[in-house]
Amino acid sequence: MSKVSKRFYLYFLMASILIAGVLSFYASSSPDGLEKVAEDKGFLETAKDSALSESPLSDYGVAGIEDDRLSVGLSGVIGVFVTALVAFGVFALAKRMNRGATN
C-alpha cells in the first residue's frame, strides 16, 4: 500500500471517529423513519423489543455508562472500529482469494 493510500485511510478513520464519537451526540433525537411511520399510522404500540435489546450497545449507547454524551460517543467509536475490522477482514480474505485464483 502506498504512503498516500495509508494517509488517506488514516484521515478517513480519524474523521469517522470524530463524527461517531463527538458529532453523533448532536444528531436528532426524533424517532427514526420506521418508528415515525409506525407512530403516524398508529401501530407503534404493537412493536416488540429486538432480541438484542439487552446487548451492551443497544439503544445507541454503552450499557453501564451513565453520562449520555460519553455513552453515545463511545458507542459510535466502538461501531467505527468494529466496522473497520470487519471491512479489513473481508478485504484481506478477498485479496487472498484473488491471489489464489491467479496462480
N, C-alpha and C. Protein backbone atom coordinates (compact mmCIF):
# COMPACT_ATOMS: atom_id res chain seq x y z
N MET A 1 0.86 -1.18 0.00
CA MET A 1 0.00 0.00 0.00
C MET A 1 0.90 1.23 0.00
N SER A 2 0.58 2.18 -0.82
CA SER A 2 1.40 3.39 -0.94
C SER A 2 1.22 4.29 0.28
N LYS A 3 2.17 5.20 0.44
CA LYS A 3 2.12 6.15 1.55
C LYS A 3 0.88 7.04 1.46
N VAL A 4 0.50 7.41 0.23
CA VAL A 4 -0.69 8.25 0.02
C VAL A 4 -1.94 7.49 0.44
N SER A 5 -2.02 6.20 0.09
CA SER A 5 -3.18 5.39 0.47
C SER A 5 -3.27 5.25 1.98
N LYS A 6 -2.14 5.00 2.64
CA LYS A 6 -2.14 4.86 4.10
C LYS A 6 -2.61 6.16 4.75
N ARG A 7 -2.14 7.29 4.24
CA ARG A 7 -2.54 8.58 4.79
C ARG A 7 -4.04 8.80 4.59
N PHE A 8 -4.55 8.46 3.41
CA PHE A 8 -5.98 8.60 3.13
C PHE A 8 -6.81 7.79 4.13
N TYR A 9 -6.43 6.52 4.33
CA TYR A 9 -7.18 5.66 5.25
C TYR A 9 -7.08 6.15 6.68
N LEU A 10 -5.93 6.66 7.06
CA LEU A 10 -5.78 7.20 8.41
C LEU A 10 -6.67 8.42 8.61
N TYR A 11 -6.68 9.34 7.65
CA TYR A 11 -7.54 10.52 7.75
C TYR A 11 -9.02 10.13 7.74
N PHE A 12 -9.37 9.16 6.92
CA PHE A 12 -10.75 8.69 6.85
C PHE A 12 -11.17 8.09 8.21
N LEU A 13 -10.28 7.29 8.81
CA LEU A 13 -10.57 6.70 10.12
C LEU A 13 -10.71 7.78 11.18
N MET A 14 -9.83 8.76 11.15
CA MET A 14 -9.90 9.85 12.13
C MET A 14 -11.19 10.65 11.98
N ALA A 15 -11.59 10.94 10.75
CA ALA A 15 -12.84 11.67 10.52
C ALA A 15 -14.04 10.85 10.99
N SER A 16 -14.01 9.55 10.73
CA SER A 16 -15.10 8.68 11.16
C SER A 16 -15.22 8.65 12.68
N ILE A 17 -14.09 8.57 13.35
CA ILE A 17 -14.09 8.56 14.82
C ILE A 17 -14.61 9.89 15.35
N LEU A 18 -14.20 10.99 14.74
CA LEU A 18 -14.67 12.31 15.16
C LEU A 18 -16.18 12.42 15.00
N ILE A 19 -16.69 12.00 13.86
CA ILE A 19 -18.13 12.08 13.61
C ILE A 19 -18.89 11.17 14.56
N ALA A 20 -18.43 9.93 14.69
CA ALA A 20 -19.14 8.96 15.53
C ALA A 20 -18.99 9.27 17.01
N GLY A 21 -17.81 9.74 17.41
CA GLY A 21 -17.56 9.95 18.82
C GLY A 21 -18.00 11.28 19.36
N VAL A 22 -18.04 12.30 18.53
CA VAL A 22 -18.36 13.64 19.02
C VAL A 22 -19.66 14.17 18.41
N LEU A 23 -19.73 14.18 17.10
CA LEU A 23 -20.88 14.79 16.45
C LEU A 23 -22.16 13.97 16.57
N SER A 24 -22.02 12.67 16.79
CA SER A 24 -23.22 11.82 16.87
C SER A 24 -24.13 12.22 18.03
N PHE A 25 -23.57 12.79 19.07
CA PHE A 25 -24.39 13.20 20.21
C PHE A 25 -25.36 14.30 19.83
N TYR A 26 -25.01 15.07 18.81
CA TYR A 26 -25.85 16.18 18.39
C TYR A 26 -26.85 15.81 17.31
N ALA A 27 -26.93 14.53 16.97
CA ALA A 27 -27.91 14.08 15.98
C ALA A 27 -29.32 14.25 16.53
N SER A 28 -30.27 14.22 15.67
CA SER A 28 -31.66 14.41 16.05
C SER A 28 -32.10 13.34 17.04
N SER A 29 -32.84 13.76 18.04
CA SER A 29 -33.39 12.80 19.00
C SER A 29 -34.78 12.34 18.58
N SER A 30 -35.24 12.81 17.43
CA SER A 30 -36.53 12.38 16.91
C SER A 30 -36.45 10.89 16.53
N PRO A 31 -37.59 10.21 16.50
CA PRO A 31 -37.57 8.80 16.13
C PRO A 31 -37.07 8.60 14.70
N ASP A 32 -36.51 7.42 14.44
CA ASP A 32 -36.05 7.14 13.08
C ASP A 32 -37.26 6.99 12.16
N GLY A 33 -37.00 6.84 10.87
CA GLY A 33 -38.07 6.82 9.87
C GLY A 33 -39.11 5.74 10.11
N LEU A 34 -38.67 4.53 10.38
CA LEU A 34 -39.60 3.42 10.59
C LEU A 34 -40.47 3.66 11.83
N GLU A 35 -39.83 4.15 12.89
CA GLU A 35 -40.58 4.43 14.12
C GLU A 35 -41.57 5.57 13.90
N LYS A 36 -41.19 6.55 13.13
CA LYS A 36 -42.06 7.69 12.84
C LYS A 36 -43.29 7.25 12.04
N VAL A 37 -43.09 6.39 11.04
CA VAL A 37 -44.21 5.89 10.25
C VAL A 37 -45.14 5.06 11.13
N ALA A 38 -44.56 4.20 11.98
CA ALA A 38 -45.37 3.38 12.88
C ALA A 38 -46.19 4.26 13.83
N GLU A 39 -45.59 5.35 14.28
CA GLU A 39 -46.30 6.28 15.15
C GLU A 39 -47.42 6.98 14.38
N ASP A 40 -47.13 7.46 13.17
CA ASP A 40 -48.12 8.16 12.36
C ASP A 40 -49.28 7.26 11.97
N LYS A 41 -49.00 6.00 11.69
CA LYS A 41 -50.03 5.06 11.24
C LYS A 41 -50.75 4.38 12.41
N GLY A 42 -50.25 4.60 13.63
CA GLY A 42 -50.95 4.12 14.81
C GLY A 42 -50.66 2.69 15.23
N PHE A 43 -49.53 2.13 14.82
CA PHE A 43 -49.23 0.78 15.27
C PHE A 43 -47.90 0.68 16.02
N LEU A 44 -47.41 1.80 16.51
CA LEU A 44 -46.15 1.81 17.26
C LEU A 44 -46.26 0.99 18.54
N GLU A 45 -47.42 1.03 19.17
CA GLU A 45 -47.58 0.31 20.45
C GLU A 45 -47.53 -1.21 20.29
N THR A 46 -47.63 -1.72 19.06
CA THR A 46 -47.55 -3.17 18.85
C THR A 46 -46.10 -3.64 18.64
N ALA A 47 -45.15 -2.71 18.61
CA ALA A 47 -43.75 -3.07 18.39
C ALA A 47 -43.21 -3.88 19.57
N LYS A 48 -42.34 -4.80 19.26
CA LYS A 48 -41.70 -5.63 20.28
C LYS A 48 -40.21 -5.31 20.30
N ASP A 49 -39.58 -5.50 21.46
CA ASP A 49 -38.15 -5.28 21.56
C ASP A 49 -37.40 -6.30 20.73
N SER A 50 -36.27 -5.88 20.21
CA SER A 50 -35.38 -6.76 19.46
C SER A 50 -34.78 -7.80 20.39
N ALA A 51 -34.34 -8.90 19.82
CA ALA A 51 -33.66 -9.93 20.61
C ALA A 51 -32.36 -9.39 21.19
N LEU A 52 -31.83 -8.33 20.61
CA LEU A 52 -30.57 -7.75 21.08
C LEU A 52 -30.79 -6.50 21.93
N SER A 53 -32.02 -6.28 22.38
CA SER A 53 -32.32 -5.05 23.11
C SER A 53 -31.60 -4.96 24.45
N GLU A 54 -31.09 -6.06 24.96
CA GLU A 54 -30.36 -6.06 26.22
C GLU A 54 -28.85 -6.14 26.01
N SER A 55 -28.40 -5.99 24.77
CA SER A 55 -26.97 -6.08 24.49
C SER A 55 -26.24 -4.84 25.02
N PRO A 56 -24.93 -4.92 25.20
CA PRO A 56 -24.18 -3.79 25.76
C PRO A 56 -24.22 -2.52 24.91
N LEU A 57 -24.49 -2.64 23.61
CA LEU A 57 -24.51 -1.46 22.74
C LEU A 57 -25.90 -1.14 22.22
N SER A 58 -26.93 -1.57 22.91
CA SER A 58 -28.28 -1.31 22.43
C SER A 58 -28.68 0.14 22.66
N ASP A 59 -29.62 0.60 21.87
CA ASP A 59 -30.21 1.93 22.00
C ASP A 59 -29.18 3.06 21.88
N TYR A 60 -28.23 2.91 20.96
CA TYR A 60 -27.25 3.95 20.63
C TYR A 60 -26.40 4.39 21.81
N GLY A 61 -26.08 3.48 22.70
CA GLY A 61 -25.25 3.82 23.85
C GLY A 61 -24.54 2.58 24.38
N VAL A 62 -23.71 2.79 25.39
CA VAL A 62 -22.99 1.70 26.03
C VAL A 62 -23.61 1.47 27.40
N ALA A 63 -24.06 0.24 27.65
CA ALA A 63 -24.69 -0.09 28.92
C ALA A 63 -23.72 0.15 30.07
N GLY A 64 -24.23 0.69 31.16
CA GLY A 64 -23.42 0.89 32.35
C GLY A 64 -22.74 2.25 32.43
N ILE A 65 -22.79 3.03 31.36
CA ILE A 65 -22.20 4.37 31.38
C ILE A 65 -23.33 5.36 31.52
N GLU A 66 -23.34 6.08 32.62
CA GLU A 66 -24.45 6.98 32.94
C GLU A 66 -24.42 8.29 32.15
N ASP A 67 -23.24 8.78 31.82
CA ASP A 67 -23.11 10.03 31.08
C ASP A 67 -23.56 9.79 29.64
N ASP A 68 -24.68 10.39 29.24
CA ASP A 68 -25.24 10.17 27.90
C ASP A 68 -24.27 10.53 26.79
N ARG A 69 -23.59 11.65 26.92
CA ARG A 69 -22.66 12.10 25.89
C ARG A 69 -21.53 11.09 25.71
N LEU A 70 -20.96 10.63 26.80
CA LEU A 70 -19.88 9.65 26.75
C LEU A 70 -20.38 8.31 26.22
N SER A 71 -21.56 7.90 26.66
CA SER A 71 -22.13 6.62 26.25
C SER A 71 -22.39 6.58 24.75
N VAL A 72 -23.01 7.62 24.21
CA VAL A 72 -23.31 7.69 22.78
C VAL A 72 -22.02 7.77 21.97
N GLY A 73 -21.09 8.62 22.40
CA GLY A 73 -19.82 8.77 21.69
C GLY A 73 -19.01 7.50 21.68
N LEU A 74 -18.92 6.84 22.82
CA LEU A 74 -18.17 5.59 22.91
C LEU A 74 -18.80 4.50 22.06
N SER A 75 -20.12 4.46 22.05
CA SER A 75 -20.82 3.50 21.19
C SER A 75 -20.49 3.74 19.72
N GLY A 76 -20.45 4.99 19.32
CA GLY A 76 -20.10 5.32 17.94
C GLY A 76 -18.68 4.93 17.59
N VAL A 77 -17.75 5.20 18.50
CA VAL A 77 -16.34 4.85 18.26
C VAL A 77 -16.18 3.33 18.18
N ILE A 78 -16.83 2.61 19.06
CA ILE A 78 -16.78 1.13 19.01
C ILE A 78 -17.34 0.65 17.68
N GLY A 79 -18.44 1.25 17.24
CA GLY A 79 -19.02 0.88 15.95
C GLY A 79 -18.08 1.11 14.79
N VAL A 80 -17.35 2.23 14.81
CA VAL A 80 -16.38 2.52 13.75
C VAL A 80 -15.29 1.46 13.74
N PHE A 81 -14.75 1.12 14.92
CA PHE A 81 -13.68 0.14 14.97
C PHE A 81 -14.14 -1.26 14.56
N VAL A 82 -15.32 -1.65 14.98
CA VAL A 82 -15.84 -2.97 14.59
C VAL A 82 -16.07 -3.02 13.09
N THR A 83 -16.66 -1.96 12.53
CA THR A 83 -16.87 -1.91 11.09
C THR A 83 -15.55 -1.95 10.33
N ALA A 84 -14.55 -1.20 10.81
CA ALA A 84 -13.23 -1.19 10.16
C ALA A 84 -12.58 -2.57 10.23
N LEU A 85 -12.69 -3.25 11.36
CA LEU A 85 -12.11 -4.59 11.48
C LEU A 85 -12.79 -5.58 10.55
N VAL A 86 -14.11 -5.53 10.47
CA VAL A 86 -14.83 -6.43 9.57
C VAL A 86 -14.45 -6.14 8.12
N ALA A 87 -14.40 -4.87 7.75
CA ALA A 87 -14.02 -4.50 6.39
C ALA A 87 -12.60 -4.96 6.08
N PHE A 88 -11.68 -4.74 7.01
CA PHE A 88 -10.30 -5.17 6.81
C PHE A 88 -10.25 -6.69 6.61
N GLY A 89 -11.00 -7.43 7.41
CA GLY A 89 -11.03 -8.89 7.27
C GLY A 89 -11.58 -9.34 5.94
N VAL A 90 -12.66 -8.72 5.51
CA VAL A 90 -13.27 -9.08 4.22
C VAL A 90 -12.32 -8.76 3.07
N PHE A 91 -11.69 -7.59 3.12
CA PHE A 91 -10.77 -7.22 2.04
C PHE A 91 -9.52 -8.10 2.04
N ALA A 92 -9.02 -8.46 3.22
CA ALA A 92 -7.86 -9.35 3.29
C ALA A 92 -8.20 -10.73 2.73
N LEU A 93 -9.38 -11.21 3.06
CA LEU A 93 -9.83 -12.50 2.54
C LEU A 93 -10.00 -12.45 1.03
N ALA A 94 -10.59 -11.37 0.53
CA ALA A 94 -10.78 -11.22 -0.91
C ALA A 94 -9.44 -11.15 -1.63
N LYS A 95 -8.47 -10.46 -1.02
CA LYS A 95 -7.15 -10.36 -1.62
C LYS A 95 -6.47 -11.73 -1.67
N ARG A 96 -6.61 -12.49 -0.59
CA ARG A 96 -6.02 -13.83 -0.53
C ARG A 96 -6.67 -14.74 -1.57
N MET A 97 -7.98 -14.66 -1.69
CA MET A 97 -8.69 -15.49 -2.68
C MET A 97 -8.31 -15.10 -4.10
N ASN A 98 -8.12 -13.80 -4.33
CA ASN A 98 -7.74 -13.32 -5.65
C ASN A 98 -6.34 -13.82 -6.01
N ARG A 99 -5.44 -13.80 -5.06
CA ARG A 99 -4.08 -14.31 -5.30
C ARG A 99 -4.10 -15.79 -5.64
N GLY A 100 -4.95 -16.54 -4.94
CA GLY A 100 -5.06 -17.97 -5.19
C GLY A 100 -5.64 -18.27 -6.57
N ALA A 101 -6.53 -17.41 -7.03
CA ALA A 101 -7.18 -17.63 -8.34
C ALA A 101 -6.25 -17.31 -9.49
N THR A 102 -5.29 -16.42 -9.28
CA THR A 102 -4.39 -16.04 -10.36
C THR A 102 -3.18 -16.95 -10.47
N ASN A 103 -2.93 -17.80 -9.49
CA ASN A 103 -1.77 -18.70 -9.52
C ASN A 103 -2.10 -19.97 -10.27
